Amino acid sequence: MMIQSDRGQILENQDDIKLYAKEYFSAHWSSKMSQIEDLPPDILPKRITEEMAAELIKPFSEQEIELVVCSLPKNKAPGPDGYPDEFYQKFWNLLKQDICQAMAHFHEKTELPMAWGSTHIALIPKVANPKTFKDYRPILSKLNTKFCQSC
């Protein structure tokens, strides 16, 4: 395989292509977080009650996490971990302690295990003879979106 960089350089070495792919997709698909803490506190009106706020910050219950796992779509491609959603559903009784501990750690420390943040990218050619990464359509698969977006 060979790929042409944005600077016109032809890359044929697999390690060079991997490095450039990481650089290219990080630049094109990353987002910068804005610093809301820097805003004056009175600029945003309060829209939730104290009770609602308390509900939002309470730890996830095992029942909530199980509900998310049970509602994951079936017959979909496996995530980066290689397991389809049905695996988590079928073996929930064996996996629930580890998954619940990971989610509790996330809630307490606001960080997920590093592997949960990894993304796999499959490149589907958009043209007959792709030469640059612009000639490919990236298909992303992220493990953490399975659980975190639903909880």
Protein backbone atom coordinates (compact mmCIF):
# COMPACT_ATOMS: atom_id res chain seq x y z
CA MET A 1 0.00 0.00 0.00
CA MET A 2 1.10 3.54 -0.63
CA ILE A 3 -0.42 6.88 0.33
CA GLN A 4 0.35 10.44 -0.67
CA SER A 5 0.57 12.98 2.16
CA ASP A 6 -0.97 16.46 2.05
CA ARG A 7 2.54 17.73 1.31
CA GLY A 8 2.79 15.49 -1.77
CA GLN A 9 5.21 13.00 -0.19
CA ILE A 10 4.66 9.34 -1.24
CA LEU A 11 4.65 7.01 1.78
CA GLU A 12 5.17 3.27 1.24
CA ASN A 13 6.64 2.11 4.55
CA GLN A 14 3.86 0.75 6.82
CA ASP A 15 5.23 2.53 9.90
CA ASP A 16 5.33 5.85 8.01
CA ILE A 17 1.76 5.33 6.79
CA LYS A 18 0.56 4.50 10.32
CA LEU A 19 2.24 7.59 11.74
CA TYR A 20 0.80 9.80 8.99
CA ALA A 21 -2.68 8.24 9.39
CA LYS A 22 -2.65 9.06 13.10
CA GLU A 23 -1.50 12.62 12.37
CA TYR A 24 -4.01 13.10 9.53
CA PHE A 25 -7.09 11.76 11.31
CA SER A 26 -6.20 13.43 14.62
CA ALA A 27 -6.03 16.78 12.82
CA HIS A 28 -9.25 16.21 10.87
CA TRP A 29 -11.42 14.47 13.47
CA SER A 30 -10.37 15.94 16.83
CA SER A 31 -12.31 18.61 18.61
CA LYS A 32 -11.06 21.14 21.08
CA MET A 33 -12.96 21.49 24.33
CA SER A 34 -14.01 25.00 25.29
CA GLN A 35 -13.43 26.19 28.81
CA ILE A 36 -16.88 26.82 30.27
CA GLU A 37 -15.29 27.50 33.66
CA ASP A 38 -14.00 30.80 32.25
CA LEU A 39 -17.52 32.14 31.70
CA PRO A 40 -19.05 34.44 34.34
CA PRO A 41 -21.42 32.35 36.49
CA ASP A 42 -24.42 34.59 35.83
CA ILE A 43 -24.17 34.39 32.02
CA LEU A 44 -25.99 31.05 31.84
CA PRO A 45 -29.39 30.94 33.53
CA LYS A 46 -30.18 28.07 35.88
CA ARG A 47 -32.43 25.60 34.13
CA ILE A 48 -32.47 22.71 36.57
CA THR A 49 -33.48 22.44 40.20
CA GLU A 50 -31.16 21.36 42.99
CA GLU A 51 -32.97 18.00 43.05
CA MET A 52 -32.39 17.54 39.34
CA ALA A 53 -28.71 18.42 39.76
CA ALA A 54 -28.36 15.88 42.57
CA GLU A 55 -29.97 13.23 40.36
CA LEU A 56 -27.52 13.99 37.54
CA ILE A 57 -24.40 13.58 39.68
CA LYS A 58 -25.37 10.44 41.58
CA PRO A 59 -23.41 7.27 40.73
CA PHE A 60 -24.79 4.88 38.11
CA SER A 61 -26.76 2.01 39.59
CA GLU A 62 -26.24 -1.59 38.51
CA GLN A 63 -29.83 -1.58 37.22
CA GLU A 64 -29.17 1.50 35.03
CA ILE A 65 -26.05 -0.06 33.55
CA GLU A 66 -27.83 -3.38 32.96
CA LEU A 67 -30.67 -1.53 31.21
CA VAL A 68 -28.14 0.11 28.88
CA VAL A 69 -26.43 -3.21 28.13
CA CYS A 70 -29.77 -4.92 27.47
CA SER A 71 -30.84 -2.11 25.12
CA LEU A 72 -27.68 -2.21 22.99
CA PRO A 73 -28.61 -2.98 19.36
CA LYS A 74 -28.32 -6.53 18.11
CA ASN A 75 -26.75 -7.79 14.88
CA LYS A 76 -24.21 -4.98 14.68
CA ALA A 77 -20.50 -5.21 13.93
CA PRO A 78 -18.28 -5.83 16.96
CA GLY A 79 -16.58 -2.87 18.59
CA PRO A 80 -12.81 -2.38 18.92
CA ASP A 81 -12.76 -5.01 21.66
CA GLY A 82 -13.89 -7.60 19.09
CA TYR A 83 -17.12 -8.46 20.90
CA PRO A 84 -20.62 -7.77 19.57
CA ASP A 85 -23.21 -6.25 21.90
CA GLU A 86 -24.88 -9.66 22.26
CA PHE A 87 -21.76 -10.90 24.09
CA TYR A 88 -22.28 -8.35 26.87
CA GLN A 89 -25.97 -9.19 27.02
CA LYS A 90 -25.52 -12.97 27.11
CA PHE A 91 -22.70 -12.90 29.66
CA TRP A 92 -23.96 -9.96 31.73
CA ASN A 93 -23.97 -12.02 34.95
CA LEU A 94 -20.26 -12.77 34.51
CA LEU A 95 -19.29 -9.28 33.34
CA LYS A 96 -21.50 -7.01 35.44
CA GLN A 97 -19.12 -6.65 38.39
CA ASP A 98 -16.21 -5.54 36.18
CA ILE A 99 -18.36 -3.25 34.04
CA CYS A 100 -20.04 -1.69 37.07
CA GLN A 101 -16.64 -1.16 38.74
CA ALA A 102 -15.32 0.51 35.58
CA MET A 103 -18.37 2.78 35.41
CA ALA A 104 -18.04 3.63 39.14
CA HIS A 105 -14.38 4.50 38.55
CA PHE A 106 -15.44 6.68 35.61
CA HIS A 107 -18.03 8.46 37.75
CA GLU A 108 -15.63 9.05 40.63
CA LYS A 109 -12.47 9.94 38.67
CA THR A 110 -14.09 11.09 35.37
CA GLU A 111 -11.70 8.87 33.46
CA LEU A 112 -12.24 5.63 31.60
CA PRO A 113 -9.74 2.81 31.12
CA MET A 114 -7.42 3.90 28.30
CA ALA A 115 -8.53 1.05 26.01
CA TRP A 116 -12.14 2.27 26.21
CA GLY A 117 -11.13 5.50 24.52
CA SER A 118 -9.47 3.83 21.57
CA THR A 119 -10.97 4.15 18.13
CA HIS A 120 -10.66 1.76 15.23
CA ILE A 121 -10.90 3.24 11.76
CA ALA A 122 -11.76 1.21 8.65
CA LEU A 123 -11.03 3.05 5.40
CA ILE A 124 -13.47 2.48 2.54
CA PRO A 125 -12.23 3.76 -0.85
CA LYS A 126 -14.43 6.46 -2.44
CA VAL A 127 -12.65 6.24 -5.81
CA ALA A 128 -11.21 3.42 -7.94
CA ASN A 129 -7.52 4.18 -7.25
CA PRO A 130 -7.24 6.00 -3.93
CA LYS A 131 -4.01 7.94 -3.45
CA THR A 132 -4.63 10.14 -0.40
CA PHE A 133 -6.65 9.76 2.78
CA LYS A 134 -9.17 12.20 1.26
CA ASP A 135 -9.98 9.39 -1.21
CA TYR A 136 -11.23 7.18 1.64
CA ARG A 137 -14.37 7.27 3.77
CA PRO A 138 -13.45 6.53 7.40
CA ILE A 139 -15.76 4.26 9.38
CA LEU A 140 -15.18 4.74 13.12
CA SER A 141 -15.80 2.31 15.95
CA LYS A 142 -15.42 3.46 19.55
CA LEU A 143 -15.97 1.16 22.51
CA ASN A 144 -16.78 3.88 25.05
CA THR A 145 -19.74 5.18 23.05
CA LYS A 146 -21.56 1.91 23.65
CA PHE A 147 -21.87 2.52 27.37
CA CYS A 148 -21.21 6.20 28.07
CA GLN A 149 -23.67 7.77 25.66
CA SER A 150 -26.46 5.63 27.02
CA CYS A 151 -25.82 6.08 30.76
